[in-house]
PDB file of N, CA and C in Angstrom:
ATOM      1  N   MET A   1       0.913  -0.959  -0.304  1.00  0.00           N
ATOM      2  CA  MET A   1       0.124  -0.151   0.110  1.00  0.00           C
ATOM      3  C   MET A   1       1.136   1.306  -0.336  1.00  0.00           C
ATOM      4  N   ILE A   2       0.575   2.410  -1.046  1.00  0.00           N
ATOM      5  CA  ILE A   2       1.221   3.152  -0.506  1.00  0.00           C
ATOM      6  C   ILE A   2       0.374   4.263   0.265  1.00  0.00           C
ATOM      7  N   LYS A   3       1.042   4.998   1.115  1.00  0.00           N
ATOM      8  CA  LYS A   3       0.660   6.067   2.172  1.00  0.00           C
ATOM      9  C   LYS A   3       0.870   7.436   1.673  1.00  0.00           C
ATOM     10  N   VAL A   4      -0.280   8.219   1.387  1.00  0.00           N
ATOM     11  CA  VAL A   4       0.446   9.727   0.853  1.00  0.00           C
ATOM     12  C   VAL A   4       0.121  10.559   2.513  1.00  0.00           C
ATOM     13  N   ASN A   5       1.856  10.831   2.624  1.00  0.00           N
ATOM     14  CA  ASN A   5       1.969  11.924   4.058  1.00  0.00           C
ATOM     15  C   ASN A   5       1.884  13.592   3.918  1.00  0.00           C
ATOM     16  N   LEU A   6       0.752  14.026   2.571  1.00  0.00           N
ATOM     17  CA  LEU A   6       0.765  15.210   1.851  1.00  0.00           C
ATOM     18  C   LEU A   6       0.133  16.041   3.205  1.00  0.00           C
ATOM     19  N   ASP A   7      -0.567  15.890   3.832  1.00  0.00           N
ATOM     20  CA  ASP A   7      -0.959  16.380   5.021  1.00  0.00           C
ATOM     21  C   ASP A   7      -0.084  17.016   6.577  1.00  0.00           C
ATOM     22  N   LYS A   8       0.950  15.745   6.531  1.00  0.00           N
ATOM     23  CA  LYS A   8       2.028  15.811   7.635  1.00  0.00           C
ATOM     24  C   LYS A   8       2.821  17.037   7.172  1.00  0.00           C
ATOM     25  N   ILE A   9       3.227  16.676   5.813  1.00  0.00           N
ATOM     26  CA  ILE A   9       4.617  17.757   5.082  1.00  0.00           C
ATOM     27  C   ILE A   9       3.640  19.460   5.142  1.00  0.00           C
ATOM     28  N   LEU A  10       2.374  19.524   5.097  1.00  0.00           N
ATOM     29  CA  LEU A  10       1.638  20.958   4.856  1.00  0.00           C
ATOM     30  C   LEU A  10       1.749  21.464   5.520  1.00  0.00           C
ATOM     31  N   LEU A  11       1.379  20.805   6.729  1.00  0.00           N
ATOM     32  CA  LEU A  11       1.373  20.920   8.484  1.00  0.00           C
ATOM     33  C   LEU A  11       2.768  21.715   8.575  1.00  0.00           C
ATOM     34  N   ASP A  12       3.690  20.394   8.737  1.00  0.00           N
ATOM     35  CA  ASP A  12       5.065  20.431   9.191  1.00  0.00           C
ATOM     36  C   ASP A  12       5.015  22.134   8.321  1.00  0.00           C
ATOM     37  N   LYS A  13       5.085  21.824   7.115  1.00  0.00           N
ATOM     38  CA  LYS A  13       6.079  23.862   6.470  1.00  0.00           C
ATOM     39  C   LYS A  13       4.479  24.938   6.628  1.00  0.00           C
ATOM     40  N   LYS A  14       3.705  24.699   6.990  1.00  0.00           N
ATOM     41  CA  LYS A  14       2.710  25.519   7.788  1.00  0.00           C
ATOM     42  C   LYS A  14       2.544  26.548   5.967  1.00  0.00           C
ATOM     43  N   VAL A  15       1.606  25.331   5.205  1.00  0.00           N
ATOM     44  CA  VAL A  15       1.269  25.652   3.780  1.00  0.00           C
ATOM     45  C   VAL A  15       0.267  25.213   3.837  1.00  0.00           C
ATOM     46  N   SER A  16      -0.808  25.954   3.817  1.00  0.00           N
ATOM     47  CA  SER A  16      -2.430  25.700   2.730  1.00  0.00           C
ATOM     48  C   SER A  16      -2.692  25.184   2.111  1.00  0.00           C
ATOM     49  N   SER A  17      -3.544  24.112   1.880  1.00  0.00           N
ATOM     50  CA  SER A  17      -4.126  23.211   0.410  1.00  0.00           C
ATOM     51  C   SER A  17      -3.990  23.779  -0.478  1.00  0.00           C
ATOM     52  N   LYS A  18      -5.315  25.329   0.008  1.00  0.00           N
ATOM     53  CA  LYS A  18      -5.210  26.110  -1.496  1.00  0.00           C
ATOM     54  C   LYS A  18      -4.274  26.746  -1.752  1.00  0.00           C
ATOM     55  N   TYR A  19      -3.325  27.097  -0.601  1.00  0.00           N
ATOM     56  CA  TYR A  19      -2.400  27.847  -1.122  1.00  0.00           C
ATOM     57  C   TYR A  19      -1.408  26.944  -2.900  1.00  0.00           C
ATOM     58  N   LEU A  20      -1.207  25.550  -2.052  1.00  0.00           N
ATOM     59  CA  LEU A  20      -0.755  24.095  -2.595  1.00  0.00           C
ATOM     60  C   LEU A  20      -0.657  24.036  -4.261  1.00  0.00           C
ATOM     61  N   ALA A  21      -2.748  24.511  -3.915  1.00  0.00           N
ATOM     62  CA  ALA A  21      -3.252  23.788  -4.801  1.00  0.00           C
ATOM     63  C   ALA A  21      -3.068  25.115  -6.206  1.00  0.00           C
ATOM     64  N   GLN A  22      -3.203  26.334  -5.590  1.00  0.00           N
ATOM     65  CA  GLN A  22      -3.135  27.657  -6.659  1.00  0.00           C
ATOM     66  C   GLN A  22      -1.344  27.254  -7.341  1.00  0.00           C
ATOM     67  N   GLN A  23      -0.873  27.057  -6.212  1.00  0.00           N
ATOM     68  CA  GLN A  23       0.853  26.854  -6.669  1.00  0.00           C
ATOM     69  C   GLN A  23       1.375  25.832  -7.689  1.00  0.00           C
ATOM     70  N   ILE A  24       0.363  24.640  -7.865  1.00  0.00           N
ATOM     71  CA  ILE A  24       0.919  23.903  -8.731  1.00  0.00           C
ATOM     72  C   ILE A  24       0.058  23.330  -9.753  1.00  0.00           C
ATOM     73  N   GLY A  25      -1.036  24.373 -10.081  1.00  0.00           N
ATOM     74  CA  GLY A  25      -2.258  24.494 -10.691  1.00  0.00           C
ATOM     75  C   GLY A  25      -3.100  23.231 -11.078  1.00  0.00           C
ATOM     76  N   ILE A  26      -3.686  23.053  -9.612  1.00  0.00           N
ATOM     77  CA  ILE A  26      -4.684  22.124  -9.974  1.00  0.00           C
ATOM     78  C   ILE A  26      -5.281  22.134  -9.031  1.00  0.00           C
ATOM     79  N   THR A  27      -6.817  21.934  -9.122  1.00  0.00           N
ATOM     80  CA  THR A  27      -7.954  22.424  -8.222  1.00  0.00           C
ATOM     81  C   THR A  27      -7.642  21.871  -6.687  1.00  0.00           C
ATOM     82  N   PRO A  28      -9.143  22.553  -5.534  1.00  0.00           N
ATOM     83  CA  PRO A  28      -8.662  22.504  -3.915  1.00  0.00           C
ATOM     84  C   PRO A  28      -8.904  20.660  -4.140  1.00  0.00           C
ATOM     85  N   ALA A  29      -9.938  20.969  -5.025  1.00  0.00           N
ATOM     86  CA  ALA A  29     -10.714  19.506  -5.430  1.00  0.00           C
ATOM     87  C   ALA A  29     -10.179  18.229  -5.358  1.00  0.00           C
ATOM     88  N   ASN A  30      -9.290  18.383  -6.474  1.00  0.00           N
ATOM     89  CA  ASN A  30      -7.853  17.426  -7.094  1.00  0.00           C
ATOM     90  C   ASN A  30      -6.720  16.872  -5.856  1.00  0.00           C
ATOM     91  N   LEU A  31      -6.175  17.753  -5.211  1.00  0.00           N
ATOM     92  CA  LEU A  31      -5.267  18.426  -4.286  1.00  0.00           C
ATOM     93  C   LEU A  31      -6.051  17.246  -2.414  1.00  0.00           C
ATOM     94  N   SER A  32      -7.118  17.386  -2.458  1.00  0.00           N
ATOM     95  CA  SER A  32      -8.207  16.724  -1.773  1.00  0.00           C
ATOM     96  C   SER A  32      -7.938  15.433  -1.816  1.00  0.00           C
ATOM     97  N   ILE A  33      -8.149  15.129  -3.091  1.00  0.00           N
ATOM     98  CA  ILE A  33      -8.321  13.319  -3.348  1.00  0.00           C
ATOM     99  C   ILE A  33      -6.892  12.601  -3.388  1.00  0.00           C
ATOM    100  N   LEU A  34      -5.625  13.978  -4.045  1.00  0.00           N
ATOM    101  CA  LEU A  34      -4.881  13.012  -3.519  1.00  0.00           C
ATOM    102  C   LEU A  34      -3.968  13.066  -1.962  1.00  0.00           C
ATOM    103  N   LYS A  35      -4.607  14.001  -1.310  1.00  0.00           N
ATOM    104  CA  LYS A  35      -4.056  13.852   0.327  1.00  0.00           C
ATOM    105  C   LYS A  35      -4.886  12.891   0.853  1.00  0.00           C
ATOM    106  N   THR A  36      -5.896  12.591   0.389  1.00  0.00           N
ATOM    107  CA  THR A  36      -6.766  11.372   1.190  1.00  0.00           C
ATOM    108  C   THR A  36      -6.432   9.691   1.120  1.00  0.00           C
ATOM    109  N   GLY A  37      -5.176  10.277  -0.009  1.00  0.00           N
ATOM    110  CA  GLY A  37      -4.863   8.856  -0.659  1.00  0.00           C
ATOM    111  C   GLY A  37      -6.121   8.359  -1.571  1.00  0.00           C
ATOM    112  N   LYS A  38      -7.254   8.761  -1.993  1.00  0.00           N
ATOM    113  CA  LYS A  38      -7.821   8.263  -3.242  1.00  0.00           C
ATOM    114  C   LYS A  38      -7.881   8.319  -4.179  1.00  0.00           C
ATOM    115  N   ALA A  39      -6.877   8.841  -4.817  1.00  0.00           N
ATOM    116  CA  ALA A  39      -6.178   8.586  -6.244  1.00  0.00           C
ATOM    117  C   ALA A  39      -5.630   7.671  -6.393  1.00  0.00           C
ATOM    118  N   HIS A  40      -5.711   7.355  -7.454  1.00  0.00           N
ATOM    119  CA  HIS A  40      -5.017   6.135  -8.416  1.00  0.00           C
ATOM    120  C   HIS A  40      -4.121   6.217  -8.817  1.00  0.00           C
ATOM    121  N   GLY A  41      -3.233   7.536  -8.465  1.00  0.00           N
ATOM    122  CA  GLY A  41      -2.088   7.574  -9.448  1.00  0.00           C
ATOM    123  C   GLY A  41      -1.976   9.465  -9.196  1.00  0.00           C
ATOM    124  N   ILE A  42      -0.707   9.958  -9.591  1.00  0.00           N
ATOM    125  CA  ILE A  42      -0.309  10.962  -9.474  1.00  0.00           C
ATOM    126  C   ILE A  42       1.090  10.837 -10.731  1.00  0.00           C
ATOM    127  N   ARG A  43       0.267  12.403 -11.272  1.00  0.00           N
ATOM    128  CA  ARG A  43       1.436  12.383 -12.351  1.00  0.00           C
ATOM    129  C   ARG A  43       2.648  12.964 -12.136  1.00  0.00           C
ATOM    130  N   PHE A  44       4.042  12.383 -12.377  1.00  0.00           N
ATOM    131  CA  PHE A  44       5.607  13.242 -12.050  1.00  0.00           C
ATOM    132  C   PHE A  44       5.685  14.590 -12.195  1.00  0.00           C
ATOM    133  N   ASN A  45       5.204  14.880 -13.334  1.00  0.00           N
ATOM    134  CA  ASN A  45       4.885  16.606 -13.135  1.00  0.00           C
ATOM    135  C   ASN A  45       4.250  17.299 -12.084  1.00  0.00           C
ATOM    136  N   THR A  46       3.522  16.465 -11.522  1.00  0.00           N
ATOM    137  CA  THR A  46       2.174  17.119 -10.286  1.00  0.00           C
ATOM    138  C   THR A  46       3.128  16.846  -9.006  1.00  0.00           C
ATOM    139  N   LEU A  47       3.436  15.943  -9.216  1.00  0.00           N
ATOM    140  CA  LEU A  47       5.189  15.620  -8.074  1.00  0.00           C
ATOM    141  C   LEU A  47       5.846  16.056  -8.113  1.00  0.00           C
ATOM    142  N   GLU A  48       6.686  16.504  -9.185  1.00  0.00           N
ATOM    143  CA  GLU A  48       7.779  17.484  -9.037  1.00  0.00           C
ATOM    144  C   GLU A  48       7.744  19.118  -8.466  1.00  0.00           C
ATOM    145  N   LYS A  49       5.943  18.850  -9.032  1.00  0.00           N
ATOM    146  CA  LYS A  49       5.426  20.837  -8.686  1.00  0.00           C
ATOM    147  C   LYS A  49       5.306  20.484  -7.033  1.00  0.00           C
ATOM    148  N   ILE A  50       4.707  19.585  -6.629  1.00  0.00           N
ATOM    149  CA  ILE A  50       4.282  19.348  -5.267  1.00  0.00           C
ATOM    150  C   ILE A  50       5.732  19.840  -4.505  1.00  0.00           C
ATOM    151  N   CYS A  51       6.587  18.831  -4.994  1.00  0.00           N
ATOM    152  CA  CYS A  51       8.337  18.840  -4.130  1.00  0.00           C
ATOM    153  C   CYS A  51       9.058  20.096  -4.358  1.00  0.00           C
ATOM    154  N   SER A  52       8.843  20.734  -5.482  1.00  0.00           N
ATOM    155  CA  SER A  52       9.787  21.984  -5.279  1.00  0.00           C
ATOM    156  C   SER A  52       8.936  23.143  -4.631  1.00  0.00           C
ATOM    157  N   VAL A  53       7.218  23.376  -4.291  1.00  0.00           N
ATOM    158  CA  VAL A  53       6.771  24.440  -3.692  1.00  0.00           C
ATOM    159  C   VAL A  53       6.870  23.926  -2.560  1.00  0.00           C
ATOM    160  N   LEU A  54       7.373  22.665  -1.445  1.00  0.00           N
ATOM    161  CA  LEU A  54       7.334  22.068  -0.004  1.00  0.00           C
ATOM    162  C   LEU A  54       8.543  22.138   0.223  1.00  0.00           C
ATOM    163  N   GLU A  55       9.270  22.376  -0.821  1.00  0.00           N
ATOM    164  CA  GLU A  55      10.797  21.957  -0.681  1.00  0.00           C
ATOM    165  C   GLU A  55      11.107  20.524  -0.296  1.00  0.00           C
ATOM    166  N   CYS A  56      10.692  19.444  -0.719  1.00  0.00           N
ATOM    167  CA  CYS A  56      10.715  18.271   0.051  1.00  0.00           C
ATOM    168  C   CYS A  56      10.845  17.777  -0.797  1.00  0.00           C
ATOM    169  N   GLN A  57      11.355  15.962  -0.641  1.00  0.00           N
ATOM    170  CA  GLN A  57      11.316  14.546  -1.843  1.00  0.00           C
ATOM    171  C   GLN A  57       9.780  14.366  -1.523  1.00  0.00           C
ATOM    172  N   PRO A  58      10.727  13.211  -3.212  1.00  0.00           N
ATOM    173  CA  PRO A  58       9.232  12.234  -3.335  1.00  0.00           C
ATOM    174  C   PRO A  58       8.909  11.698  -1.965  1.00  0.00           C
ATOM    175  N   GLY A  59       9.970  11.008  -1.597  1.00  0.00           N
ATOM    176  CA  GLY A  59      10.027  10.139  -0.266  1.00  0.00           C
ATOM    177  C   GLY A  59       9.155  10.654   0.924  1.00  0.00           C
ATOM    178  N   ASP A  60       9.341  12.171   0.857  1.00  0.00           N
ATOM    179  CA  ASP A  60       8.761  12.825   1.864  1.00  0.00           C
ATOM    180  C   ASP A  60       7.067  12.774   2.314  1.00  0.00           C
ATOM    181  N   ILE A  61       6.442  12.487   0.893  1.00  0.00           N
ATOM    182  CA  ILE A  61       5.386  12.599   0.569  1.00  0.00           C
ATOM    183  C   ILE A  61       4.602  10.995   0.536  1.00  0.00           C
ATOM    184  N   LEU A  62       5.075  10.668  -0.120  1.00  0.00           N
ATOM    185  CA  LEU A  62       4.937   8.710  -0.398  1.00  0.00           C
ATOM    186  C   LEU A  62       5.701   7.963   0.147  1.00  0.00           C
ATOM    187  N   GLU A  63       4.915   7.033   0.829  1.00  0.00           N
ATOM    188  CA  GLU A  63       5.403   6.114   1.900  1.00  0.00           C
ATOM    189  C   GLU A  63       5.093   4.391   1.415  1.00  0.00           C
ATOM    190  N   TYR A  64       5.458   3.950   0.853  1.00  0.00           N
ATOM    191  CA  TYR A  64       4.958   2.214   1.086  1.00  0.00           C
ATOM    192  C   TYR A  64       4.892   1.447   2.326  1.00  0.00           C
ATOM    193  N   ILE A  65       4.160   1.179   2.799  1.00  0.00           N
ATOM    194  CA  ILE A  65       3.322   0.403   3.795  1.00  0.00           C
ATOM    195  C   ILE A  65       3.041  -1.205   3.277  1.00  0.00           C
ATOM    196  N   PRO A  66       4.134  -2.215   3.605  1.00  0.00           N
ATOM    197  CA  PRO A  66       3.540  -3.487   2.701  1.00  0.00           C
ATOM    198  C   PRO A  66       2.284  -3.749   3.310  1.00  0.00           C
ATOM    199  N   ASN A  67       2.017  -4.873   2.413  1.00  0.00           N
ATOM    200  CA  ASN A  67       0.506  -5.482   3.354  1.00  0.00           C
ATOM    201  C   ASN A  67       0.857  -6.762   4.192  1.00  0.00           C
ATOM    202  N   LYS A  68      -0.015  -6.483   5.278  1.00  0.00           N
ATOM    203  CA  LYS A  68      -0.134  -7.795   6.532  1.00  0.00           C
ATOM    204  C   LYS A  68      -0.897  -8.922   5.176  1.00  0.00           C
ATOM    205  N   SER A  69       0.052 -10.215   5.723  1.00  0.00           N
ATOM    206  CA  SER A  69      -0.748 -11.564   4.503  1.00  0.00           C
ATOM    207  C   SER A  69      -1.371 -12.382   5.824  1.00  0.00           C
ATOM    208  N   GLY A  70      -1.169 -12.877   5.809  1.00  0.00           N
ATOM    209  CA  GLY A  70      -1.917 -14.216   6.925  1.00  0.00           C
ATOM    210  C   GLY A  70      -3.179 -13.773   7.724  1.00  0.00           C
TER     211      GLY A  70
END
């Protein structure tokens, strides 16, 4: 499973969702879908813009969590 930690990064950087959406050129609704982990994918271009605005690495935003089997 891929966990999206965008909320945590926004909080740490003291950046609002509205501001980030404006800076990267997507709607606040689409950013919300990404933040909640309901998105099925993200374009590298969008990820690059997010990292640029938030001055972070892709690994700060996306986290791999192994599925528990058994």
